[in-house]
Amino acid sequence: MTPTPNRVENNDSDLAILSFALCILLAGTKLAAAIFGHSLVMVADAAESCLDLLGAAVLWLSLTYASRSPDENHPYGHGKAESVGSLLLGGMVLLVVVGVTIRSLQALLLPSGDGPRAWTLIIVALVLLMKEGMYRFFRHRAELSRSPILMAHALEHRGDALTSAAGFVGISLAVVGGRNWYWADPVAALAACIFICWNGYGILRASLADLLDEEAEGRVKDEMKEEALGVKGVAGLDKCRLRRSGRWYYGELHVQVDALLTVEQGHEIARLVRKKLVEADLGIADVLVHIEPAPDSTQFRL
């Protein structure tokens, strides 16, 4: 059965609603801890969670639009909506880095004297566990559906988890060391920014690779070649191209066959190759198969 390009399961869109609700809970909790617990690293954490709310909205909109069926103006479907959404998520992550870096440097150069409260460690630990759990859950769902925006959203949660881990260390040092260790909290916030920036770069890199039709990863391409060579009548392969559109792949394959075959026989081999590739569990929505004469076969003489 030929897969429907850019088909998005309903429960994938429901994941965006679930993420939105959890982000509201986490953002409120961390913002309260940042204000009443006098923790700068919690400000960084809360700021990223506030953007997670916008990220959950982008996730829902992207999945909803990507689920549309191909039409006259979009014959390849709407799958790249997921990549556009991922690009927006990556940009929002980097905005957090800029804001928190500025605030952390201000705290280092102009310390206020108010250190973080010890009880904020409990909040940080709970947030860390919850965010790591959300990262693992969304990553698992992204791998099952091959969804780039779900993977980007998972990396957002991993960034939150890393921020919380850095925050736990920074707050602990500031609480134990007292005024002399005032720098531990903003330094931890800066360290968290490095983790967040790396995640943001990864999201942007993957999104741009999709939008600019970069050649797809080698594993899928290698399996595509192996499947094609297994079709009866295929003597070899020449060019093989594969690009990604959202969670689906589109390919172009030049198949070599005996030069003495009829046009009808060559067409049938091409049909069988396409059918096998589309039905294989590779995420290939469509592939253009071009027939060429094998170099070691007898050539026609005009």
C-alpha atoms as a PDB file:
ATOM      1  CA  MET A   1       0.000   0.000   0.000  1.00  0.00           C
ATOM      2  CA  THR A   2       1.398   3.395  -1.003  1.00  0.00           C
ATOM      3  CA  PRO A   3       1.813   5.688   2.007  1.00  0.00           C
ATOM      4  CA  THR A   4      -0.006   8.987   2.087  1.00  0.00           C
ATOM      5  CA  PRO A   5       2.642  11.751   1.965  1.00  0.00           C
ATOM      6  CA  ASN A   6       2.728  13.965   5.029  1.00  0.00           C
ATOM      7  CA  ARG A   7       0.032  12.002   6.807  1.00  0.00           C
ATOM      8  CA  VAL A   8       0.128  13.035  10.460  1.00  0.00           C
ATOM      9  CA  GLU A   9      -1.568  10.840  13.005  1.00  0.00           C
ATOM     10  CA  ASN A  10      -4.203  12.580  15.124  1.00  0.00           C
ATOM     11  CA  ASN A  11      -2.422  11.670  18.340  1.00  0.00           C
ATOM     12  CA  ASP A  12       0.684  13.498  17.081  1.00  0.00           C
ATOM     13  CA  SER A  13      -1.317  16.733  17.091  1.00  0.00           C
ATOM     14  CA  ASP A  14      -2.660  15.815  20.523  1.00  0.00           C
ATOM     15  CA  LEU A  15       0.939  15.696  21.750  1.00  0.00           C
ATOM     16  CA  ALA A  16       1.193  19.441  21.117  1.00  0.00           C
ATOM     17  CA  ILE A  17      -1.798  20.049  23.408  1.00  0.00           C
ATOM     18  CA  LEU A  18      -0.257  17.830  26.085  1.00  0.00           C
ATOM     19  CA  SER A  19       3.051  19.648  25.796  1.00  0.00           C
ATOM     20  CA  PHE A  20       1.313  23.035  26.029  1.00  0.00           C
ATOM     21  CA  ALA A  21      -0.418  22.055  29.279  1.00  0.00           C
ATOM     22  CA  LEU A  22       2.795  20.724  30.823  1.00  0.00           C
ATOM     23  CA  CYS A  23       4.731  23.830  29.758  1.00  0.00           C
ATOM     24  CA  ILE A  24       2.184  26.078  31.475  1.00  0.00           C
ATOM     25  CA  LEU A  25       2.624  24.111  34.688  1.00  0.00           C
ATOM     26  CA  LEU A  26       6.414  24.145  34.491  1.00  0.00           C
ATOM     27  CA  ALA A  27       6.735  27.787  33.454  1.00  0.00           C
ATOM     28  CA  GLY A  28       4.555  28.927  36.347  1.00  0.00           C
ATOM     29  CA  THR A  29       6.422  26.773  38.849  1.00  0.00           C
ATOM     30  CA  LYS A  30       9.872  27.895  37.722  1.00  0.00           C
ATOM     31  CA  LEU A  31       8.896  31.549  37.490  1.00  0.00           C
ATOM     32  CA  ALA A  32       7.616  31.446  41.085  1.00  0.00           C
ATOM     33  CA  ALA A  33      10.845  29.756  42.201  1.00  0.00           C
ATOM     34  CA  ALA A  34      12.908  32.387  40.338  1.00  0.00           C
ATOM     35  CA  ILE A  35      11.054  35.321  41.940  1.00  0.00           C
ATOM     36  CA  PHE A  36      10.681  34.064  45.501  1.00  0.00           C
ATOM     37  CA  GLY A  37      13.850  31.983  45.549  1.00  0.00           C
ATOM     38  CA  HIS A  38      16.136  34.745  44.151  1.00  0.00           C
ATOM     39  CA  SER A  39      17.727  32.363  41.638  1.00  0.00           C
ATOM     40  CA  LEU A  40      19.087  33.728  38.372  1.00  0.00           C
ATOM     41  CA  VAL A  41      19.497  30.302  36.835  1.00  0.00           C
ATOM     42  CA  MET A  42      15.808  29.704  37.523  1.00  0.00           C
ATOM     43  CA  VAL A  43      15.090  32.891  35.582  1.00  0.00           C
ATOM     44  CA  ALA A  44      16.908  31.295  32.632  1.00  0.00           C
ATOM     45  CA  ASP A  45      14.951  28.115  33.129  1.00  0.00           C
ATOM     46  CA  ALA A  46      11.634  29.954  33.409  1.00  0.00           C
ATOM     47  CA  ALA A  47      12.361  32.076  30.336  1.00  0.00           C
ATOM     48  CA  GLU A  48      12.986  28.991  28.244  1.00  0.00           C
ATOM     49  CA  SER A  49       9.793  27.386  29.538  1.00  0.00           C
ATOM     50  CA  CYS A  50       7.808  30.504  28.607  1.00  0.00           C
ATOM     51  CA  LEU A  51       9.123  30.166  25.065  1.00  0.00           C
ATOM     52  CA  ASP A  52       8.216  26.477  25.244  1.00  0.00           C
ATOM     53  CA  LEU A  53       4.597  27.624  25.367  1.00  0.00           C
ATOM     54  CA  LEU A  54       5.051  29.382  22.053  1.00  0.00           C
ATOM     55  CA  GLY A  55       6.964  26.351  20.833  1.00  0.00           C
ATOM     56  CA  ALA A  56       4.026  24.070  21.678  1.00  0.00           C
ATOM     57  CA  ALA A  57       1.747  26.367  19.671  1.00  0.00           C
ATOM     58  CA  VAL A  58       4.154  26.241  16.716  1.00  0.00           C
ATOM     59  CA  LEU A  59       4.252  22.451  17.085  1.00  0.00           C
ATOM     60  CA  TRP A  60       0.467  22.186  16.888  1.00  0.00           C
ATOM     61  CA  LEU A  61       0.174  24.547  13.915  1.00  0.00           C
ATOM     62  CA  SER A  62       2.958  22.766  12.019  1.00  0.00           C
ATOM     63  CA  LEU A  63       1.534  19.294  12.582  1.00  0.00           C
ATOM     64  CA  THR A  64      -1.951  20.455  11.651  1.00  0.00           C
ATOM     65  CA  TYR A  65      -0.815  22.066   8.393  1.00  0.00           C
ATOM     66  CA  ALA A  66       1.525  19.187   7.518  1.00  0.00           C
ATOM     67  CA  SER A  67      -1.379  16.733   7.820  1.00  0.00           C
ATOM     68  CA  ARG A  68      -3.104  18.233   4.773  1.00  0.00           C
ATOM     69  CA  SER A  69      -3.253  15.996   1.708  1.00  0.00           C
ATOM     70  CA  PRO A  70      -1.380  16.929  -1.469  1.00  0.00           C
ATOM     71  CA  ASP A  71      -3.285  19.350  -3.717  1.00  0.00           C
ATOM     72  CA  GLU A  72      -2.846  21.034  -7.088  1.00  0.00           C
ATOM     73  CA  ASN A  73      -0.533  23.716  -5.718  1.00  0.00           C
ATOM     74  CA  HIS A  74       1.353  21.325  -3.425  1.00  0.00           C
ATOM     75  CA  PRO A  75       1.691  18.013  -5.312  1.00  0.00           C
ATOM     76  CA  TYR A  76       4.402  16.879  -2.898  1.00  0.00           C
ATOM     77  CA  GLY A  77       2.203  17.557   0.108  1.00  0.00           C
ATOM     78  CA  HIS A  78       2.728  19.969   2.991  1.00  0.00           C
ATOM     79  CA  GLY A  79       5.409  18.081   4.911  1.00  0.00           C
ATOM     80  CA  LYS A  80       7.909  20.936   4.906  1.00  0.00           C
ATOM     81  CA  ALA A  81       5.604  22.770   7.321  1.00  0.00           C
ATOM     82  CA  GLU A  82       7.242  20.640  10.002  1.00  0.00           C
ATOM     83  CA  SER A  83      10.669  21.864   8.926  1.00  0.00           C
ATOM     84  CA  VAL A  84       9.507  25.492   8.941  1.00  0.00           C
ATOM     85  CA  GLY A  85       8.145  24.943  12.454  1.00  0.00           C
ATOM     86  CA  SER A  86      11.443  23.398  13.533  1.00  0.00           C
ATOM     87  CA  LEU A  87      13.273  26.439  12.169  1.00  0.00           C
ATOM     88  CA  LEU A  88      11.073  28.721  14.284  1.00  0.00           C
ATOM     89  CA  LEU A  89      11.702  26.584  17.361  1.00  0.00           C
ATOM     90  CA  GLY A  90      15.454  26.784  16.826  1.00  0.00           C
ATOM     91  CA  GLY A  91      15.265  30.560  16.493  1.00  0.00           C
ATOM     92  CA  MET A  92      13.274  30.876  19.722  1.00  0.00           C
ATOM     93  CA  VAL A  93      15.839  28.771  21.545  1.00  0.00           C
ATOM     94  CA  LEU A  94      18.632  31.111  20.453  1.00  0.00           C
ATOM     95  CA  LEU A  95      16.604  34.143  21.576  1.00  0.00           C
ATOM     96  CA  VAL A  96      16.560  32.654  25.077  1.00  0.00           C
ATOM     97  CA  VAL A  97      20.346  32.346  24.965  1.00  0.00           C
ATOM     98  CA  VAL A  98      20.789  36.034  24.126  1.00  0.00           C
ATOM     99  CA  GLY A  99      18.457  37.260  26.869  1.00  0.00           C
ATOM    100  CA  VAL A 100      19.778  35.026  29.626  1.00  0.00           C
ATOM    101  CA  THR A 101      23.420  35.706  28.703  1.00  0.00           C
ATOM    102  CA  ILE A 102      22.886  39.464  29.041  1.00  0.00           C
ATOM    103  CA  ARG A 103      21.129  39.055  32.398  1.00  0.00           C
ATOM    104  CA  SER A 104      23.817  36.674  33.713  1.00  0.00           C
ATOM    105  CA  LEU A 105      26.673  39.012  32.779  1.00  0.00           C
ATOM    106  CA  GLN A 106      24.872  41.864  34.528  1.00  0.00           C
ATOM    107  CA  ALA A 107      24.570  39.753  37.678  1.00  0.00           C
ATOM    108  CA  LEU A 108      28.295  38.943  37.590  1.00  0.00           C
ATOM    109  CA  LEU A 109      29.379  42.545  37.121  1.00  0.00           C
ATOM    110  CA  LEU A 110      26.744  44.096  39.415  1.00  0.00           C
ATOM    111  CA  PRO A 111      25.906  41.531  42.119  1.00  0.00           C
ATOM    112  CA  SER A 112      22.773  42.310  44.152  1.00  0.00           C
ATOM    113  CA  GLY A 113      23.822  40.406  47.252  1.00  0.00           C
ATOM    114  CA  ASP A 114      20.692  38.275  47.358  1.00  0.00           C
ATOM    115  CA  GLY A 115      21.610  34.634  46.866  1.00  0.00           C
ATOM    116  CA  PRO A 116      19.246  31.825  45.883  1.00  0.00           C
ATOM    117  CA  ARG A 117      17.133  30.059  48.532  1.00  0.00           C
ATOM    118  CA  ALA A 118      17.918  26.453  49.456  1.00  0.00           C
ATOM    119  CA  TRP A 119      14.348  25.257  48.842  1.00  0.00           C
ATOM    120  CA  THR A 120      14.660  26.086  45.160  1.00  0.00           C
ATOM    121  CA  LEU A 121      16.837  22.974  44.850  1.00  0.00           C
ATOM    122  CA  ILE A 122      13.723  20.838  45.336  1.00  0.00           C
ATOM    123  CA  ILE A 123      11.954  22.650  42.492  1.00  0.00           C
ATOM    124  CA  VAL A 124      14.974  22.318  40.228  1.00  0.00           C
ATOM    125  CA  ALA A 125      15.289  18.582  40.912  1.00  0.00           C
ATOM    126  CA  LEU A 126      11.596  17.959  40.156  1.00  0.00           C
ATOM    127  CA  VAL A 127      11.776  20.021  36.967  1.00  0.00           C
ATOM    128  CA  LEU A 128      14.907  18.154  35.877  1.00  0.00           C
ATOM    129  CA  LEU A 129      13.220  14.766  36.244  1.00  0.00           C
ATOM    130  CA  MET A 130      10.066  15.921  34.501  1.00  0.00           C
ATOM    131  CA  LYS A 131      11.884  17.558  31.594  1.00  0.00           C
ATOM    132  CA  GLU A 132      14.132  14.566  31.035  1.00  0.00           C
ATOM    133  CA  GLY A 133      11.046  12.358  30.980  1.00  0.00           C
ATOM    134  CA  MET A 134       9.373  14.641  28.428  1.00  0.00           C
ATOM    135  CA  TYR A 135      12.520  14.608  26.293  1.00  0.00           C
ATOM    136  CA  ARG A 136      12.626  10.811  26.217  1.00  0.00           C
ATOM    137  CA  PHE A 137       8.900  10.566  25.471  1.00  0.00           C
ATOM    138  CA  PHE A 138       8.907  13.060  22.595  1.00  0.00           C
ATOM    139  CA  ARG A 139      12.138  11.652  21.157  1.00  0.00           C
ATOM    140  CA  HIS A 140      10.592   8.179  21.114  1.00  0.00           C
ATOM    141  CA  ARG A 141       7.504   9.490  19.317  1.00  0.00           C
ATOM    142  CA  ALA A 142       9.687  11.447  16.865  1.00  0.00           C
ATOM    143  CA  GLU A 143      11.702   8.351  15.994  1.00  0.00           C
ATOM    144  CA  LEU A 144       8.536   6.309  15.434  1.00  0.00           C
ATOM    145  CA  SER A 145       6.980   8.897  13.128  1.00  0.00           C
ATOM    146  CA  ARG A 146      10.228  10.314  11.655  1.00  0.00           C
ATOM    147  CA  SER A 147       8.873  13.777  12.486  1.00  0.00           C
ATOM    148  CA  PRO A 148      11.503  16.558  12.437  1.00  0.00           C
ATOM    149  CA  ILE A 149       9.408  18.973  14.500  1.00  0.00           C
ATOM    150  CA  LEU A 150       8.706  16.398  17.197  1.00  0.00           C
ATOM    151  CA  MET A 151      12.453  15.783  17.378  1.00  0.00           C
ATOM    152  CA  ALA A 152      13.069  19.540  17.618  1.00  0.00           C
ATOM    153  CA  HIS A 153      10.501  19.766  20.406  1.00  0.00           C
ATOM    154  CA  ALA A 154      12.178  16.866  22.189  1.00  0.00           C
ATOM    155  CA  LEU A 155      15.515  18.699  22.012  1.00  0.00           C
ATOM    156  CA  GLU A 156      13.832  21.747  23.521  1.00  0.00           C
ATOM    157  CA  HIS A 157      12.908  19.644  26.532  1.00  0.00           C
ATOM    158  CA  ARG A 158      16.445  18.241  26.700  1.00  0.00           C
ATOM    159  CA  GLY A 159      17.708  21.848  26.760  1.00  0.00           C
ATOM    160  CA  ASP A 160      15.420  22.522  29.719  1.00  0.00           C
ATOM    161  CA  ALA A 161      16.715  19.410  31.468  1.00  0.00           C
ATOM    162  CA  LEU A 162      20.340  20.469  30.955  1.00  0.00           C
ATOM    163  CA  THR A 163      19.512  23.965  32.181  1.00  0.00           C
ATOM    164  CA  SER A 164      17.979  22.504  35.323  1.00  0.00           C
ATOM    165  CA  ALA A 165      21.038  20.298  35.875  1.00  0.00           C
ATOM    166  CA  ALA A 166      23.334  23.310  35.618  1.00  0.00           C
ATOM    167  CA  GLY A 167      20.975  25.212  37.891  1.00  0.00           C
ATOM    168  CA  PHE A 168      21.077  22.527  40.548  1.00  0.00           C
ATOM    169  CA  VAL A 169      24.866  22.725  40.672  1.00  0.00           C
ATOM    170  CA  GLY A 170      24.931  26.534  40.673  1.00  0.00           C
ATOM    171  CA  ILE A 171      22.277  26.937  43.364  1.00  0.00           C
ATOM    172  CA  SER A 172      23.925  24.288  45.538  1.00  0.00           C
ATOM    173  CA  LEU A 173      27.267  26.101  45.409  1.00  0.00           C
ATOM    174  CA  ALA A 174      25.644  29.484  46.065  1.00  0.00           C
ATOM    175  CA  VAL A 175      23.663  28.155  49.052  1.00  0.00           C
ATOM    176  CA  VAL A 176      26.627  26.368  50.638  1.00  0.00           C
ATOM    177  CA  GLY A 177      29.232  29.049  49.901  1.00  0.00           C
ATOM    178  CA  GLY A 178      27.107  32.056  50.874  1.00  0.00           C
ATOM    179  CA  ARG A 179      27.967  35.587  49.692  1.00  0.00           C
ATOM    180  CA  ASN A 180      31.465  34.610  48.561  1.00  0.00           C
ATOM    181  CA  TRP A 181      29.895  32.236  46.046  1.00  0.00           C
ATOM    182  CA  TYR A 182      27.388  34.708  44.621  1.00  0.00           C
ATOM    183  CA  TRP A 183      28.893  34.106  41.174  1.00  0.00           C
ATOM    184  CA  ALA A 184      27.946  30.397  41.123  1.00  0.00           C
ATOM    185  CA  ASP A 185      24.316  31.035  40.163  1.00  0.00           C
ATOM    186  CA  PRO A 186      24.963  33.365  37.168  1.00  0.00           C
ATOM    187  CA  VAL A 187      27.890  31.198  36.029  1.00  0.00           C
ATOM    188  CA  ALA A 188      25.567  28.184  36.055  1.00  0.00           C
ATOM    189  CA  ALA A 189      23.098  30.218  34.007  1.00  0.00           C
ATOM    190  CA  LEU A 190      25.850  30.960  31.466  1.00  0.00           C
ATOM    191  CA  ALA A 191      26.776  27.284  31.351  1.00  0.00           C
ATOM    192  CA  ALA A 192      23.131  26.488  30.723  1.00  0.00           C
ATOM    193  CA  CYS A 193      23.189  28.946  27.826  1.00  0.00           C
ATOM    194  CA  ILE A 194      25.954  26.929  26.190  1.00  0.00           C
ATOM    195  CA  PHE A 195      23.795  23.785  26.353  1.00  0.00           C
ATOM    196  CA  ILE A 196      20.747  25.662  25.057  1.00  0.00           C
ATOM    197  CA  CYS A 197      22.748  27.242  22.215  1.00  0.00           C
ATOM    198  CA  TRP A 198      24.052  23.853  21.113  1.00  0.00           C
ATOM    199  CA  ASN A 199      20.527  22.448  21.010  1.00  0.00           C
ATOM    200  CA  GLY A 200      19.334  25.491  19.072  1.00  0.00           C
ATOM    201  CA  TYR A 201      22.123  25.050  16.532  1.00  0.00           C
ATOM    202  CA  GLY A 202      21.200  21.385  16.094  1.00  0.00           C
ATOM    203  CA  ILE A 203      17.547  22.242  15.487  1.00  0.00           C
ATOM    204  CA  LEU A 204      18.400  24.990  12.978  1.00  0.00           C
ATOM    205  CA  ARG A 205      20.941  22.810  11.166  1.00  0.00           C
ATOM    206  CA  ALA A 206      18.466  19.953  10.658  1.00  0.00           C
ATOM    207  CA  SER A 207      15.649  22.317   9.613  1.00  0.00           C
ATOM    208  CA  LEU A 208      17.751  24.135   7.026  1.00  0.00           C
ATOM    209  CA  ALA A 209      19.043  20.836   5.640  1.00  0.00           C
ATOM    210  CA  ASP A 210      15.442  19.814   4.988  1.00  0.00           C
ATOM    211  CA  LEU A 211      14.299  23.157   3.561  1.00  0.00           C
ATOM    212  CA  LEU A 212      17.337  23.402   1.267  1.00  0.00           C
ATOM    213  CA  ASP A 213      16.867  19.815   0.007  1.00  0.00           C
ATOM    214  CA  GLU A 214      20.174  18.570   1.376  1.00  0.00           C
ATOM    215  CA  GLU A 215      20.992  14.976   0.499  1.00  0.00           C
ATOM    216  CA  ALA A 216      19.381  12.618   3.010  1.00  0.00           C
ATOM    217  CA  GLU A 217      21.353  10.552   5.497  1.00  0.00           C
ATOM    218  CA  GLY A 218      23.315   7.547   4.260  1.00  0.00           C
ATOM    219  CA  ARG A 219      21.398   4.785   6.060  1.00  0.00           C
ATOM    220  CA  VAL A 220      18.122   5.320   4.206  1.00  0.00           C
ATOM    221  CA  LYS A 221      19.941   5.833   0.934  1.00  0.00           C
ATOM    222  CA  ASP A 222      21.954   2.632   1.347  1.00  0.00           C
ATOM    223  CA  GLU A 223      18.819   0.632   2.119  1.00  0.00           C
ATOM    224  CA  MET A 224      17.089   2.217  -0.863  1.00  0.00           C
ATOM    225  CA  LYS A 225      19.870   0.977  -3.161  1.00  0.00           C
ATOM    226  CA  GLU A 226      19.798  -2.489  -1.602  1.00  0.00           C
ATOM    227  CA  GLU A 227      16.026  -2.784  -2.102  1.00  0.00           C
ATOM    228  CA  ALA A 228      16.286  -1.664  -5.741  1.00  0.00           C
ATOM    229  CA  LEU A 229      19.072  -4.117  -6.559  1.00  0.00           C
ATOM    230  CA  GLY A 230      16.854  -6.911  -5.246  1.00  0.00           C
ATOM    231  CA  VAL A 231      14.272  -6.382  -8.011  1.00  0.00           C
ATOM    232  CA  LYS A 232      14.484  -8.935 -10.839  1.00  0.00           C
ATOM    233  CA  GLY A 233      15.879  -7.386 -14.013  1.00  0.00           C
ATOM    234  CA  VAL A 234      17.924  -4.666 -12.309  1.00  0.00           C
ATOM    235  CA  ALA A 235      21.520  -5.031 -13.488  1.00  0.00           C
ATOM    236  CA  GLY A 236      22.931  -2.076 -11.576  1.00  0.00           C
ATOM    237  CA  LEU A 237      22.405   1.468 -10.375  1.00  0.00           C
ATOM    238  CA  ASP A 238      23.760   4.768 -11.549  1.00  0.00           C
ATOM    239  CA  LYS A 239      22.563   7.967  -9.869  1.00  0.00           C
ATOM    240  CA  CYS A 240      20.695   7.862  -6.590  1.00  0.00           C
ATOM    241  CA  ARG A 241      19.305  11.010  -4.977  1.00  0.00           C
ATOM    242  CA  LEU A 242      17.184  11.325  -1.866  1.00  0.00           C
ATOM    243  CA  ARG A 243      15.750  14.396  -0.162  1.00  0.00           C
ATOM    244  CA  ARG A 244      13.512  14.852   2.831  1.00  0.00           C
ATOM    245  CA  SER A 245      10.203  16.680   3.059  1.00  0.00           C
ATOM    246  CA  GLY A 246       8.991  16.660   6.651  1.00  0.00           C
ATOM    247  CA  ARG A 247       8.759  13.053   7.748  1.00  0.00           C
ATOM    248  CA  TRP A 248       8.838  11.636   4.197  1.00  0.00           C
ATOM    249  CA  TYR A 249      11.554  11.062   1.610  1.00  0.00           C
ATOM    250  CA  TYR A 250      11.425  11.710  -2.121  1.00  0.00           C
ATOM    251  CA  GLY A 251      13.984  10.048  -4.367  1.00  0.00           C
ATOM    252  CA  GLU A 252      15.373   9.772  -7.866  1.00  0.00           C
ATOM    253  CA  LEU A 253      16.983   6.539  -9.012  1.00  0.00           C
ATOM    254  CA  HIS A 254      18.687   5.621 -12.289  1.00  0.00           C
ATOM    255  CA  VAL A 255      18.317   1.867 -12.823  1.00  0.00           C
ATOM    256  CA  GLN A 256      20.431  -0.046 -15.332  1.00  0.00           C
ATOM    257  CA  VAL A 257      18.790  -2.888 -17.284  1.00  0.00           C
ATOM    258  CA  ASP A 258      19.592  -5.045 -20.302  1.00  0.00           C
ATOM    259  CA  ALA A 259      19.672  -2.763 -23.342  1.00  0.00           C
ATOM    260  CA  LEU A 260      17.787  -5.298 -25.472  1.00  0.00           C
ATOM    261  CA  LEU A 261      14.658  -5.151 -23.321  1.00  0.00           C
ATOM    262  CA  THR A 262      11.552  -3.612 -24.827  1.00  0.00           C
ATOM    263  CA  VAL A 263      10.209  -0.291 -23.595  1.00  0.00           C
ATOM    264  CA  GLU A 264       7.334  -2.162 -21.974  1.00  0.00           C
ATOM    265  CA  GLN A 265       9.714  -4.519 -20.137  1.00  0.00           C
ATOM    266  CA  GLY A 266      11.858  -1.618 -18.929  1.00  0.00           C
ATOM    267  CA  HIS A 267       8.755   0.241 -17.763  1.00  0.00           C
ATOM    268  CA  GLU A 268       7.601  -2.800 -15.803  1.00  0.00           C
ATOM    269  CA  ILE A 269      10.962  -3.058 -14.023  1.00  0.00           C
ATOM    270  CA  ALA A 270      10.758   0.626 -13.129  1.00  0.00           C
ATOM    271  CA  ARG A 271       7.238   0.124 -11.778  1.00  0.00           C
ATOM    272  CA  LEU A 272       8.368  -2.812  -9.631  1.00  0.00           C
ATOM    273  CA  VAL A 273      11.334  -0.845  -8.269  1.00  0.00           C
ATOM    274  CA  ARG A 274       9.136   2.106  -7.312  1.00  0.00           C
ATOM    275  CA  LYS A 275       6.514  -0.173  -5.748  1.00  0.00           C
ATOM    276  CA  LYS A 276       9.109  -1.976  -3.644  1.00  0.00           C
ATOM    277  CA  LEU A 277      10.741   1.232  -2.406  1.00  0.00           C
ATOM    278  CA  VAL A 278       7.452   2.931  -1.517  1.00  0.00           C
ATOM    279  CA  GLU A 279       6.158  -0.136   0.314  1.00  0.00           C
ATOM    280  CA  ALA A 280       9.423  -0.720   2.193  1.00  0.00           C
ATOM    281  CA  ASP A 281       9.610   0.657   5.726  1.00  0.00           C
ATOM    282  CA  LEU A 282      11.940   3.470   4.718  1.00  0.00           C
ATOM    283  CA  GLY A 283       9.565   6.426   4.817  1.00  0.00           C
ATOM    284  CA  ILE A 284       9.789   6.962   1.038  1.00  0.00           C
ATOM    285  CA  ALA A 285       6.640   8.643  -0.258  1.00  0.00           C
ATOM    286  CA  ASP A 286       7.634   8.586  -3.918  1.00  0.00           C
ATOM    287  CA  VAL A 287      10.636   7.884  -6.145  1.00  0.00           C
ATOM    288  CA  LEU A 288      11.252   8.683  -9.789  1.00  0.00           C
ATOM    289  CA  VAL A 289      12.831   5.664 -11.505  1.00  0.00           C
ATOM    290  CA  HIS A 290      14.788   6.317 -14.714  1.00  0.00           C
ATOM    291  CA  ILE A 291      15.779   3.369 -16.903  1.00  0.00           C
ATOM    292  CA  GLU A 292      19.240   3.222 -18.504  1.00  0.00           C
ATOM    293  CA  PRO A 293      21.039   0.514 -20.541  1.00  0.00           C
ATOM    294  CA  ALA A 294      23.588  -1.447 -18.558  1.00  0.00           C
ATOM    295  CA  PRO A 295      27.137  -0.633 -19.766  1.00  0.00           C
ATOM    296  CA  ASP A 296      28.059  -4.295 -20.317  1.00  0.00           C
ATOM    297  CA  SER A 297      24.928  -5.195 -22.311  1.00  0.00           C
ATOM    298  CA  THR A 298      24.571  -5.306 -26.078  1.00  0.00           C
ATOM    299  CA  GLN A 299      23.729  -1.841 -27.440  1.00  0.00           C
ATOM    300  CA  PHE A 300      21.228  -1.038 -30.183  1.00  0.00           C
ATOM    301  CA  ARG A 301      22.563   0.069 -33.523  1.00  0.00           C
ATOM    302  CA  LEU A 302      20.517   2.705 -35.332  1.00  0.00           C
END
